[in-house]
Amino acid sequence: MEQMSKMKWILAVTAIFFVSINLRPAVTSVGPLLNTIMEDLNVSNTQMSLLTSIPVFCMGLFAPLAVPFQKRLGYKWSINVLLLGIGVATAARLFLTSFTALMVTSFIAGLCIAIISPMINAYIKAKFASQFGLVIGVYSLAIGFGAMVSAGFTGILYENFQNSWPAALSIWGVLAVVAIFIWSAATPEGETFETTAETETEVRNPWKDKRIWTILIFFGLQTSLFFSMTTWLSPMAMEQGMPLVTAGTVLTVMSIVQMVGNIVIPTLLNKTGHLNTWLYSLIVVGLIGVFVLMIDAQWAIWVGAIIVGISMSGLFPIGLMMPLDEARNEAEANSFSSMVLSGGFMMSAIVPLLIGVVYDLAGTHLVSKWILVVICIAMFLTIIVYAKQARRV
């Protein structure tokens, strides 16, 4: 590879990294301040859980728009426009502080994230065909980094901004501005990728394929675990007697573990193979972590969060890779990813909301943790089905 090609490769991967950082803070920054916002706005746990469920549901509902959006504007301008939407929606929280306004900004952010996610997947598949496992790892790492930074520093920013939660939430809009500049520099105007005649005519319909449906269910379950933990881990820690900043630190530690695993586990998977073995192992690790969280002690919150973080750090990038691995070309990568992300994110919007409803009724997060146990068991059963389904030729 020539030096200029190496520089272009580094710039493109850097751009993907900075774009991907923006795909979680609008959601994950709410978790550390959930109790604070709830008390200030005088709303219930169920209502607060909507601030996670709405954008996550949007991530699923609007994911199919990625294909027509990309065809109309191209990769460069599509992602720039969507990043601008995320940035404006996030920054607007400084001035729009009612619960209704928070839901509207959550909706807009979720809409933009929904369209970006499968578009980035397809872009990686097309531009880094021989290295897509590595670049997907970088993509996952960036998402984990964005989640980690926003979850870990929102509580600290809240205190530094004189206990202003609107300021602590809105500051994350700055990330979109940075990403727009880097993405614009890295992406040539009207960039397209070569396609063969077969690519243009032979695109299989994922909605008629049982194996893609199984991947969708798995992806929905693992993202349900992620968003449930991101939304409710800090309140669970506070229920154990931790102050706000300490509870936010627990979430940060879990996010750091995820961030490291996002790059390490896909790399190990590429070297060792044995996808199903990795999936079974990671799910069992997650189940153990949830059971540790049930122990009535503050140390258990720390240990359980780390163990669950290890599990989620591998499950998410593998979930992203599975539909891409099934695809034969860019068009299939886009349609397969759109279907999996669409259905999966809509599934995962339900569980954080369910936990909010259950907590309002039970007044304890013990039932919430049993819901997480059910998710892990359902994932395990889904992978058994996936392993039995023959790979398509």
Protein backbone atom coordinates (compact mmCIF):
# COMPACT_ATOMS: atom_id res chain seq x y z
CA MET A 1 0.00 0.00 0.00
CA GLU A 2 1.40 3.41 -0.93
CA GLN A 3 1.97 6.04 1.72
CA MET A 4 -0.86 8.24 0.40
CA SER A 5 -3.21 5.24 0.43
CA LYS A 6 -2.24 4.55 4.02
CA MET A 7 -3.00 8.13 4.97
CA LYS A 8 -6.37 7.98 3.23
CA TRP A 9 -7.12 4.71 5.04
CA ILE A 10 -6.23 6.23 8.41
CA LEU A 11 -8.28 9.35 7.69
CA ALA A 12 -11.32 7.30 6.60
CA VAL A 13 -11.18 5.10 9.71
CA THR A 14 -10.69 8.18 11.91
CA ALA A 15 -13.76 9.75 10.31
CA ILE A 16 -15.81 6.60 10.99
CA PHE A 17 -14.60 6.71 14.59
CA PHE A 18 -15.68 10.32 15.15
CA VAL A 19 -19.02 9.85 13.40
CA SER A 20 -19.72 6.77 15.51
CA ILE A 21 -18.94 8.55 18.78
CA ASN A 22 -22.16 10.52 18.20
CA LEU A 23 -24.42 7.46 18.06
CA ARG A 24 -24.98 7.08 21.83
CA PRO A 25 -24.49 10.27 23.94
CA ALA A 26 -28.01 11.60 23.21
CA VAL A 27 -29.30 8.43 24.92
CA THR A 28 -26.60 7.43 27.40
CA SER A 29 -26.11 10.89 28.91
CA VAL A 30 -29.62 10.69 30.40
CA GLY A 31 -28.98 7.63 32.60
CA PRO A 32 -26.66 9.23 35.19
CA LEU A 33 -29.11 12.13 35.72
CA LEU A 34 -32.29 10.09 35.45
CA ASN A 35 -33.31 10.51 39.10
CA THR A 36 -32.33 14.20 39.10
CA ILE A 37 -34.36 15.02 35.99
CA MET A 38 -37.29 12.94 37.23
CA GLU A 39 -37.46 14.87 40.49
CA ASP A 40 -36.99 18.25 38.81
CA LEU A 41 -39.72 17.67 36.22
CA ASN A 42 -41.95 15.70 38.62
CA VAL A 43 -42.41 12.72 36.30
CA SER A 44 -42.47 8.95 36.90
CA ASN A 45 -39.86 6.28 36.21
CA THR A 46 -42.04 5.08 33.35
CA GLN A 47 -42.03 8.51 31.75
CA MET A 48 -38.27 8.87 32.21
CA SER A 49 -37.66 5.52 30.56
CA LEU A 50 -39.29 6.98 27.43
CA LEU A 51 -36.20 9.17 26.99
CA THR A 52 -34.31 5.97 26.23
CA SER A 53 -37.10 4.00 24.59
CA ILE A 54 -38.13 6.72 22.10
CA PRO A 55 -34.71 7.19 20.44
CA VAL A 56 -34.03 3.45 20.50
CA PHE A 57 -37.41 2.73 18.89
CA CYS A 58 -36.63 5.39 16.30
CA MET A 59 -33.30 3.67 15.61
CA GLY A 60 -35.33 0.68 14.52
CA LEU A 61 -38.32 2.34 12.87
CA PHE A 62 -36.32 4.62 10.58
CA ALA A 63 -33.32 2.37 9.81
CA PRO A 64 -34.83 1.33 6.40
CA LEU A 65 -34.53 4.97 5.28
CA ALA A 66 -30.75 4.49 5.08
CA VAL A 67 -30.89 3.04 1.57
CA PRO A 68 -32.98 5.77 -0.15
CA PHE A 69 -31.26 8.51 1.88
CA GLN A 70 -27.80 7.35 0.81
CA LYS A 71 -28.85 6.97 -2.84
CA ARG A 72 -30.23 10.49 -2.93
CA LEU A 73 -27.45 12.40 -1.13
CA GLY A 74 -24.47 10.04 -1.17
CA TYR A 75 -22.42 9.02 1.82
CA LYS A 76 -20.73 12.39 2.38
CA TRP A 77 -23.77 14.65 2.58
CA SER A 78 -26.14 12.09 4.06
CA ILE A 79 -23.98 11.62 7.12
CA ASN A 80 -23.19 15.33 7.41
CA VAL A 81 -26.91 16.21 7.44
CA LEU A 82 -27.68 13.49 9.97
CA LEU A 83 -24.80 14.52 12.24
CA LEU A 84 -26.13 18.07 12.12
CA GLY A 85 -29.54 16.76 13.22
CA ILE A 86 -28.01 14.92 16.17
CA GLY A 87 -25.95 17.95 17.16
CA VAL A 88 -28.85 20.42 16.99
CA ALA A 89 -31.23 18.09 18.87
CA THR A 90 -28.67 17.52 21.62
CA ALA A 91 -27.61 21.16 21.96
CA ALA A 92 -31.26 22.28 22.04
CA ARG A 93 -31.65 20.61 25.43
CA LEU A 94 -29.92 23.64 26.93
CA PHE A 95 -33.01 25.75 26.16
CA LEU A 96 -35.82 23.19 25.75
CA THR A 97 -36.12 21.80 29.26
CA SER A 98 -39.67 20.49 29.54
CA PHE A 99 -40.32 16.76 29.50
CA THR A 100 -42.14 17.09 26.16
CA ALA A 101 -39.16 18.94 24.68
CA LEU A 102 -36.81 16.21 25.91
CA MET A 103 -38.95 13.61 24.16
CA VAL A 104 -38.92 15.63 20.93
CA THR A 105 -35.12 15.99 20.98
CA SER A 106 -34.84 12.28 21.77
CA PHE A 107 -37.03 11.52 18.75
CA ILE A 108 -34.95 13.69 16.40
CA ALA A 109 -31.67 12.23 17.65
CA GLY A 110 -33.04 8.70 17.34
CA LEU A 111 -34.23 9.36 13.78
CA CYS A 112 -30.79 10.56 12.69
CA ILE A 113 -28.94 7.75 14.49
CA ALA A 114 -31.31 5.24 12.88
CA ILE A 115 -30.33 6.26 9.36
CA ILE A 116 -26.60 6.65 10.05
CA SER A 117 -26.06 3.22 11.63
CA PRO A 118 -26.85 0.89 8.68
CA MET A 119 -25.32 3.44 6.31
CA ILE A 120 -21.99 3.24 8.14
CA ASN A 121 -22.25 -0.56 8.15
CA ALA A 122 -22.68 -0.62 4.37
CA TYR A 123 -19.92 1.97 3.90
CA ILE A 124 -17.52 -0.23 5.89
CA LYS A 125 -18.53 -3.32 3.92
CA ALA A 126 -17.95 -1.51 0.60
CA LYS A 127 -14.80 0.47 1.40
CA PHE A 128 -13.06 -2.07 3.68
CA ALA A 129 -14.22 -5.37 2.21
CA SER A 130 -11.07 -7.28 3.19
CA GLN A 131 -10.79 -5.65 6.63
CA PHE A 132 -14.38 -5.13 7.64
CA GLY A 133 -13.97 -7.15 10.86
CA LEU A 134 -11.22 -4.80 12.02
CA VAL A 135 -13.08 -1.64 11.00
CA ILE A 136 -16.33 -2.89 12.56
CA GLY A 137 -14.27 -3.28 15.73
CA VAL A 138 -13.20 0.38 15.45
CA TYR A 139 -16.84 1.35 14.80
CA SER A 140 -17.97 -0.55 17.91
CA LEU A 141 -15.09 0.90 19.92
CA ALA A 142 -16.18 4.41 18.95
CA ILE A 143 -19.80 3.74 19.94
CA GLY A 144 -18.56 2.37 23.27
CA PHE A 145 -16.27 5.38 23.72
CA GLY A 146 -19.13 7.79 23.10
CA ALA A 147 -21.31 5.90 25.58
CA MET A 148 -18.50 5.76 28.14
CA VAL A 149 -17.58 9.44 27.95
CA SER A 150 -21.19 10.67 28.08
CA ALA A 151 -22.19 8.27 30.86
CA GLY A 152 -19.08 8.97 32.91
CA PHE A 153 -18.79 12.74 32.61
CA THR A 154 -22.43 13.88 32.54
CA GLY A 155 -22.71 13.64 36.33
CA ILE A 156 -19.42 15.51 36.77
CA LEU A 157 -20.49 18.18 34.27
CA TYR A 158 -23.79 18.48 36.14
CA GLU A 159 -21.93 19.44 39.31
CA ASN A 160 -19.47 21.72 37.48
CA PHE A 161 -22.33 23.49 35.70
CA GLN A 162 -23.87 24.40 39.08
CA ASN A 163 -26.31 21.47 39.08
CA SER A 164 -27.71 22.36 35.66
CA TRP A 165 -28.83 19.14 33.96
CA PRO A 166 -29.79 20.99 30.71
CA ALA A 167 -26.19 22.18 30.35
CA ALA A 168 -24.80 18.73 31.18
CA LEU A 169 -27.00 17.08 28.52
CA SER A 170 -26.60 19.70 25.78
CA ILE A 171 -22.78 19.89 25.82
CA TRP A 172 -22.56 16.59 23.94
CA GLY A 173 -23.81 18.33 20.79
CA VAL A 174 -20.23 19.61 20.32
CA LEU A 175 -19.17 16.10 19.29
CA ALA A 176 -21.28 16.36 16.13
CA VAL A 177 -19.50 19.54 15.02
CA VAL A 178 -16.10 17.85 15.32
CA ALA A 179 -17.35 14.78 13.43
CA ILE A 180 -18.75 16.88 10.55
CA PHE A 181 -15.38 18.52 9.91
CA ILE A 182 -13.46 15.22 9.98
CA TRP A 183 -16.02 13.31 7.88
CA SER A 184 -16.07 16.10 5.27
CA ALA A 185 -12.29 16.03 5.00
CA ALA A 186 -12.15 12.23 4.71
CA THR A 187 -14.97 11.63 2.24
CA PRO A 188 -14.57 12.59 -1.45
CA GLU A 189 -17.51 14.33 -3.10
CA GLY A 190 -19.90 11.80 -4.69
CA GLU A 191 -17.87 8.77 -3.58
CA THR A 192 -19.28 5.55 -5.05
CA PHE A 193 -18.13 1.95 -5.13
CA GLU A 194 -17.78 -0.39 -8.05
CA THR A 195 -20.53 -2.94 -8.44
CA THR A 196 -20.81 -5.96 -10.68
CA ALA A 197 -23.83 -6.82 -12.80
CA GLU A 198 -24.66 -9.52 -10.27
CA THR A 199 -24.57 -6.97 -7.46
CA GLU A 200 -27.06 -4.76 -9.28
CA THR A 201 -29.53 -7.52 -10.16
CA GLU A 202 -29.21 -10.15 -7.48
CA VAL A 203 -30.12 -8.75 -4.07
CA ARG A 204 -31.81 -11.28 -1.82
CA ASN A 205 -34.78 -10.29 0.29
CA PRO A 206 -33.78 -10.60 3.97
CA TRP A 207 -37.41 -10.52 5.16
CA LYS A 208 -37.90 -13.98 3.62
CA ASP A 209 -34.82 -15.51 5.21
CA LYS A 210 -35.14 -17.33 8.56
CA ARG A 211 -31.44 -16.95 9.35
CA ILE A 212 -31.60 -13.14 9.07
CA TRP A 213 -34.70 -13.16 11.28
CA THR A 214 -32.75 -15.12 13.89
CA ILE A 215 -29.92 -12.57 13.72
CA LEU A 216 -32.51 -9.80 14.13
CA ILE A 217 -33.91 -11.39 17.30
CA PHE A 218 -30.41 -11.88 18.72
CA PHE A 219 -29.46 -8.28 17.93
CA GLY A 220 -32.66 -7.02 19.56
CA LEU A 221 -32.01 -9.01 22.73
CA GLN A 222 -28.39 -7.93 23.13
CA THR A 223 -29.25 -4.27 22.52
CA SER A 224 -32.09 -4.64 25.03
CA LEU A 225 -29.49 -5.68 27.59
CA PHE A 226 -27.24 -2.76 26.64
CA PHE A 227 -29.87 -0.02 26.80
CA SER A 228 -31.41 -1.45 29.97
CA MET A 229 -28.04 -1.44 31.71
CA THR A 230 -27.15 2.01 30.36
CA THR A 231 -30.45 3.50 31.51
CA TRP A 232 -30.93 1.76 34.84
CA LEU A 233 -27.49 0.80 36.19
CA SER A 234 -26.96 4.17 37.87
CA PRO A 235 -30.43 4.12 39.53
CA MET A 236 -29.72 0.52 40.63
CA ALA A 237 -26.45 1.68 42.19
CA MET A 238 -28.18 4.61 43.90
CA GLU A 239 -30.76 2.17 45.27
CA GLN A 240 -27.79 0.43 46.94
CA GLY A 241 -26.88 3.71 48.65
CA MET A 242 -24.32 5.17 46.21
CA PRO A 243 -24.25 8.96 45.61
CA LEU A 244 -24.93 10.28 42.09
CA VAL A 245 -21.31 10.71 40.96
CA THR A 246 -20.27 7.29 42.30
CA ALA A 247 -23.24 5.65 40.60
CA GLY A 248 -22.21 7.38 37.38
CA THR A 249 -18.68 6.08 37.85
CA VAL A 250 -20.01 2.52 37.96
CA LEU A 251 -21.60 3.14 34.57
CA THR A 252 -18.33 4.61 33.33
CA VAL A 253 -16.36 1.54 34.43
CA MET A 254 -18.82 -0.73 32.62
CA SER A 255 -18.51 1.43 29.51
CA ILE A 256 -14.69 1.34 29.64
CA VAL A 257 -14.79 -2.46 29.81
CA GLN A 258 -17.14 -2.46 26.80
CA MET A 259 -14.93 -0.05 24.89
CA VAL A 260 -11.85 -2.25 25.31
CA GLY A 261 -13.76 -5.42 24.51
CA ASN A 262 -15.31 -3.85 21.40
CA ILE A 263 -11.93 -3.92 19.70
CA VAL A 264 -10.30 -6.92 21.44
CA ILE A 265 -13.07 -9.51 21.07
CA PRO A 266 -13.74 -9.04 17.30
CA THR A 267 -9.96 -9.25 16.74
CA LEU A 268 -9.75 -12.51 18.70
CA LEU A 269 -12.82 -13.82 16.88
CA ASN A 270 -11.19 -13.14 13.51
CA LYS A 271 -8.09 -15.05 14.61
CA THR A 272 -9.79 -18.02 16.27
CA GLY A 273 -13.11 -18.41 14.45
CA HIS A 274 -15.73 -20.48 16.31
CA LEU A 275 -18.42 -17.79 16.26
CA ASN A 276 -21.03 -19.85 18.10
CA THR A 277 -18.59 -20.74 20.90
CA TRP A 278 -17.87 -17.06 21.44
CA LEU A 279 -21.57 -16.25 21.50
CA TYR A 280 -22.43 -18.98 24.01
CA SER A 281 -19.52 -17.96 26.25
CA LEU A 282 -20.32 -14.25 26.19
CA ILE A 283 -23.99 -14.86 26.98
CA VAL A 284 -23.11 -17.09 29.95
CA VAL A 285 -20.69 -14.41 31.20
CA GLY A 286 -23.51 -11.85 30.98
CA LEU A 287 -25.87 -14.12 32.90
CA ILE A 288 -23.30 -14.54 35.68
CA GLY A 289 -22.89 -10.76 35.83
CA VAL A 290 -26.62 -10.16 36.23
CA PHE A 291 -26.79 -12.70 39.08
CA VAL A 292 -23.90 -10.89 40.79
CA LEU A 293 -25.89 -7.65 40.52
CA MET A 294 -28.62 -9.31 42.60
CA ILE A 295 -26.33 -9.51 45.64
CA ASP A 296 -27.33 -6.84 48.15
CA ALA A 297 -23.93 -5.16 48.47
CA GLN A 298 -22.21 -2.21 46.83
CA TRP A 299 -19.20 -4.30 45.77
CA ALA A 300 -21.59 -6.52 43.79
CA ILE A 301 -22.70 -3.52 41.72
CA TRP A 302 -19.09 -2.88 40.71
CA VAL A 303 -18.25 -6.51 39.98
CA GLY A 304 -21.55 -7.25 38.22
CA ALA A 305 -21.20 -4.16 36.02
CA ILE A 306 -17.71 -5.22 34.94
CA ILE A 307 -18.80 -8.79 34.14
CA VAL A 308 -21.86 -7.66 32.18
CA GLY A 309 -19.66 -5.09 30.40
CA ILE A 310 -17.37 -7.90 29.20
CA SER A 311 -20.37 -9.76 27.82
CA MET A 312 -21.87 -6.77 26.02
CA SER A 313 -18.49 -5.70 24.64
CA GLY A 314 -18.41 -8.78 22.42
CA LEU A 315 -22.09 -9.29 21.72
CA PHE A 316 -22.62 -5.89 20.07
CA PRO A 317 -19.80 -5.95 17.45
CA ILE A 318 -20.57 -9.59 16.68
CA GLY A 319 -24.22 -8.62 16.21
CA LEU A 320 -23.13 -5.94 13.72
CA MET A 321 -20.88 -8.36 11.85
CA MET A 322 -23.44 -11.17 11.50
CA PRO A 323 -25.67 -9.56 8.82
CA LEU A 324 -22.59 -8.24 6.99
CA ASP A 325 -21.12 -11.74 6.97
CA GLU A 326 -24.30 -13.02 5.33
CA ALA A 327 -24.20 -10.37 2.59
CA ARG A 328 -22.58 -10.92 -0.80
CA ASN A 329 -22.33 -7.27 -1.83
CA GLU A 330 -22.87 -3.67 -0.74
CA ALA A 331 -26.58 -3.66 -1.58
CA GLU A 332 -27.22 -6.77 0.52
CA ALA A 333 -25.03 -5.41 3.32
CA ASN A 334 -27.20 -2.29 3.41
CA SER A 335 -30.54 -4.12 3.25
CA PHE A 336 -29.52 -6.89 5.68
CA SER A 337 -28.13 -4.39 8.20
CA SER A 338 -31.19 -2.16 7.80
CA MET A 339 -33.51 -5.05 8.59
CA VAL A 340 -31.50 -6.31 11.56
CA LEU A 341 -30.97 -2.87 13.05
CA SER A 342 -34.56 -1.85 12.34
CA GLY A 343 -36.23 -4.80 14.01
CA GLY A 344 -33.55 -5.18 16.66
CA PHE A 345 -33.68 -1.61 17.90
CA MET A 346 -37.49 -1.59 17.96
CA MET A 347 -37.35 -4.72 20.11
CA SER A 348 -34.80 -3.18 22.45
CA ALA A 349 -36.93 -0.06 23.01
CA ILE A 350 -39.43 -2.17 24.95
CA VAL A 351 -37.28 -3.46 27.81
CA PRO A 352 -36.03 -0.16 29.33
CA LEU A 353 -39.64 1.06 29.29
CA LEU A 354 -40.81 -2.21 30.86
CA ILE A 355 -38.24 -1.83 33.64
CA GLY A 356 -39.51 1.69 34.32
CA VAL A 357 -43.10 0.42 34.59
CA VAL A 358 -42.07 -2.49 36.82
CA TYR A 359 -40.02 -0.23 39.09
CA ASP A 360 -42.95 2.16 39.51
CA LEU A 361 -45.11 -0.82 40.52
CA ALA A 362 -42.63 -2.79 42.66
CA GLY A 363 -40.52 0.03 44.09
CA THR A 364 -37.37 -2.11 43.76
CA HIS A 365 -34.97 -3.07 40.99
CA LEU A 366 -34.87 -6.74 41.99
CA VAL A 367 -37.59 -7.50 39.43
CA SER A 368 -35.65 -5.44 36.87
CA LYS A 369 -32.65 -7.72 37.32
CA TRP A 370 -34.80 -10.81 36.76
CA ILE A 371 -35.90 -9.24 33.47
CA LEU A 372 -32.22 -9.07 32.49
CA VAL A 373 -31.85 -12.77 33.37
CA VAL A 374 -34.71 -13.60 31.00
CA ILE A 375 -33.01 -11.60 28.23
CA CYS A 376 -29.77 -13.59 28.63
CA ILE A 377 -31.60 -16.93 28.57
CA ALA A 378 -33.56 -15.86 25.47
CA MET A 379 -30.28 -14.91 23.75
CA PHE A 380 -28.82 -18.33 24.53
CA LEU A 381 -31.85 -20.08 23.01
CA THR A 382 -31.68 -17.83 19.94
CA ILE A 383 -28.08 -18.81 19.27
CA ILE A 384 -29.01 -22.49 19.57
CA VAL A 385 -31.53 -21.90 16.77
CA TYR A 386 -28.97 -19.90 14.76
CA ALA A 387 -26.42 -22.70 15.06
CA LYS A 388 -28.92 -25.24 13.72
CA GLN A 389 -29.85 -23.15 10.70
CA ALA A 390 -27.77 -23.97 7.64
CA ARG A 391 -25.76 -21.08 6.20
CA ARG A 392 -27.10 -19.93 2.86
CA VAL A 393 -25.11 -20.49 -0.27
